[in-house]
Amino acid sequence: MADLRFSTAMQALLLLADAARKGTPLVSSAQLADCLRTNPSFVRSLLIPLFQAGLIETVRGRNGGVQLAKDAARITLLDVHQASVCGKPMWLSRPDERSENPAAIRVQAYFDRLNDEAAVAVAGVLRRQTLAGALEACLDQPTD
């Protein structure tokens, strides 16, 4: 099963960055849910780690909503990834401690090393990308 937390968080933050670019930075969770085609309670649960990471801020009240906590050029995709996946590994192994096969017994340690190496590579890519750059790239793409 694919993990959609990072891509959904990216879409939500891109919507907030675009709203800020247009001069209407506050967006309600209902508006975000409509754009993401999901329900507002799911969006609110998605926003919690983004808020805790200092990527968004909330404004309460009748005309309240959420907005980026800092300029999109200062938010890296690594920031978004770390906040949205909450430290969970990219892959999980299927350990088989009951096996007689030495390879099956040691597969978890192998996957742990593989996971660590992949996480370093992913972080290297995401660290170089900003939310502002992602928005620009998305806006520059022709629509079908």
Protein backbone atom coordinates (compact mmCIF):
# COMPACT_ATOMS: atom_id res chain seq x y z
CA MET A 1 0.00 0.00 0.00
CA ALA A 2 1.41 3.39 -0.98
CA ASP A 3 2.01 5.99 1.72
CA LEU A 4 0.32 9.24 0.66
CA ARG A 5 1.24 11.42 3.66
CA PHE A 6 4.15 13.22 1.98
CA SER A 7 2.41 13.81 -1.35
CA THR A 8 -0.79 14.97 0.36
CA ALA A 9 1.13 17.30 2.67
CA MET A 10 2.98 18.66 -0.37
CA GLN A 11 -0.29 19.30 -2.19
CA ALA A 12 -1.75 21.09 0.84
CA LEU A 13 1.34 23.27 1.26
CA LEU A 14 1.43 24.02 -2.47
CA LEU A 15 -2.18 25.21 -2.21
CA LEU A 16 -1.19 27.45 0.73
CA ALA A 17 1.86 28.77 -1.14
CA ASP A 18 -0.28 29.54 -4.17
CA ALA A 19 -2.87 31.30 -1.99
CA ALA A 20 -0.10 33.42 -0.44
CA ARG A 21 1.22 34.22 -3.92
CA LYS A 22 -2.27 35.40 -4.92
CA GLY A 23 -2.57 37.58 -1.80
CA THR A 24 -5.14 35.44 0.04
CA PRO A 25 -2.95 33.43 2.40
CA LEU A 26 -5.65 32.11 4.77
CA VAL A 27 -7.29 28.89 3.62
CA SER A 28 -9.82 26.93 5.66
CA SER A 29 -9.49 23.19 6.20
CA ALA A 30 -12.79 22.81 4.30
CA GLN A 31 -11.30 24.63 1.30
CA LEU A 32 -8.16 22.49 1.47
CA ALA A 33 -10.30 19.34 1.73
CA ASP A 34 -12.31 20.40 -1.30
CA CYS A 35 -9.14 20.98 -3.34
CA LEU A 36 -7.62 17.70 -2.16
CA ARG A 37 -10.93 15.86 -2.67
CA THR A 38 -10.97 14.47 0.83
CA ASN A 39 -12.74 15.26 4.09
CA PRO A 40 -11.89 18.20 6.38
CA SER A 41 -11.17 16.04 9.44
CA PHE A 42 -8.50 14.13 7.47
CA VAL A 43 -6.98 17.46 6.38
CA ARG A 44 -6.93 18.73 9.97
CA SER A 45 -5.13 15.55 11.10
CA LEU A 46 -2.63 16.01 8.27
CA LEU A 47 -2.02 19.63 9.30
CA ILE A 48 -1.13 18.81 12.92
CA PRO A 49 2.47 17.61 12.26
CA LEU A 50 2.96 20.47 9.77
CA PHE A 51 1.92 22.92 12.50
CA GLN A 52 4.15 21.19 15.06
CA ALA A 53 7.10 21.46 12.65
CA GLY A 54 6.51 25.23 12.28
CA LEU A 55 5.58 25.01 8.59
CA ILE A 56 2.05 26.38 8.98
CA GLU A 57 0.21 28.55 11.44
CA THR A 58 -3.45 28.81 12.27
CA VAL A 59 -5.69 31.81 12.65
CA ARG A 60 -8.81 31.11 14.70
CA GLY A 61 -12.18 32.67 14.33
CA ARG A 62 -14.93 33.12 11.81
CA ASN A 63 -12.59 34.09 8.97
CA GLY A 64 -9.71 31.96 10.20
CA GLY A 65 -7.77 29.23 8.51
CA VAL A 66 -4.23 28.08 7.96
CA GLN A 67 -1.34 29.72 6.18
CA LEU A 68 2.34 29.13 5.67
CA ALA A 69 4.36 30.07 8.75
CA LYS A 70 7.25 31.32 6.61
CA ASP A 71 8.04 32.14 3.03
CA ALA A 72 7.76 29.16 0.67
CA ALA A 73 11.36 29.75 -0.44
CA ARG A 74 12.49 28.93 3.12
CA ILE A 75 10.60 25.62 3.33
CA THR A 76 12.51 22.68 1.92
CA LEU A 77 10.81 19.53 0.73
CA LEU A 78 12.90 17.74 3.35
CA ASP A 79 11.10 19.85 6.00
CA VAL A 80 7.76 18.70 4.58
CA HIS A 81 8.85 15.07 4.31
CA GLN A 82 10.19 14.92 7.85
CA ALA A 83 7.04 16.51 9.26
CA SER A 84 4.61 14.40 7.27
CA VAL A 85 6.12 10.93 7.67
CA CYS A 86 6.90 11.47 11.36
CA GLY A 87 10.17 9.48 11.33
CA LYS A 88 8.70 6.28 9.93
CA PRO A 89 11.05 4.20 7.77
CA MET A 90 10.57 4.03 4.00
CA TRP A 91 10.34 0.24 4.04
CA LEU A 92 9.61 -2.43 6.59
CA SER A 93 11.13 -5.88 6.47
CA ARG A 94 9.39 -9.16 7.07
CA PRO A 95 11.63 -10.76 9.69
CA ASP A 96 11.45 -14.52 9.97
CA GLU A 97 13.14 -15.49 13.23
CA ARG A 98 11.66 -18.98 13.04
CA SER A 99 13.43 -19.82 9.80
CA GLU A 100 16.37 -22.18 9.57
CA ASN A 101 17.76 -20.11 6.68
CA PRO A 102 20.50 -17.67 7.83
CA ALA A 103 19.55 -15.15 5.10
CA ALA A 104 15.93 -15.06 6.25
CA ILE A 105 17.02 -14.55 9.85
CA ARG A 106 19.30 -11.62 8.93
CA VAL A 107 16.97 -9.86 6.49
CA GLN A 108 15.85 -7.28 9.06
CA ALA A 109 19.40 -6.02 9.65
CA TYR A 110 19.91 -5.82 5.88
CA PHE A 111 16.69 -3.83 5.43
CA ASP A 112 17.68 -1.50 8.28
CA ARG A 113 20.97 -0.68 6.51
CA LEU A 114 19.19 -0.33 3.15
CA ASN A 115 16.60 1.96 4.73
CA ASP A 116 19.30 4.14 6.27
CA GLU A 117 21.12 4.47 2.95
CA ALA A 118 17.90 5.28 1.07
CA ALA A 119 16.89 7.86 3.69
CA VAL A 120 20.23 9.67 3.25
CA ALA A 121 19.77 9.71 -0.54
CA VAL A 122 16.18 10.95 -0.34
CA ALA A 123 17.15 13.63 2.18
CA GLY A 124 19.91 14.82 -0.16
CA VAL A 125 17.43 15.32 -2.99
CA LEU A 126 14.68 16.90 -0.89
CA ARG A 127 17.07 19.24 0.94
CA ARG A 128 17.90 20.96 -2.38
CA GLN A 129 14.25 21.59 -3.29
CA THR A 130 12.00 24.31 -1.85
CA LEU A 131 8.26 24.66 -1.71
CA ALA A 132 8.57 27.84 -3.81
CA GLY A 133 10.54 25.95 -6.45
CA ALA A 134 7.98 23.14 -6.47
CA LEU A 135 5.13 25.65 -6.90
CA GLU A 136 6.98 27.36 -9.74
CA ALA A 137 7.64 24.01 -11.44
CA CYS A 138 3.99 22.99 -11.08
CA LEU A 139 2.71 26.32 -12.43
CA ASP A 140 5.10 26.15 -15.39
CA GLN A 141 3.85 22.75 -16.50
CA PRO A 142 1.29 22.80 -19.31
CA THR A 143 -2.11 21.37 -18.43
CA ASP A 144 -3.55 18.54 -20.49
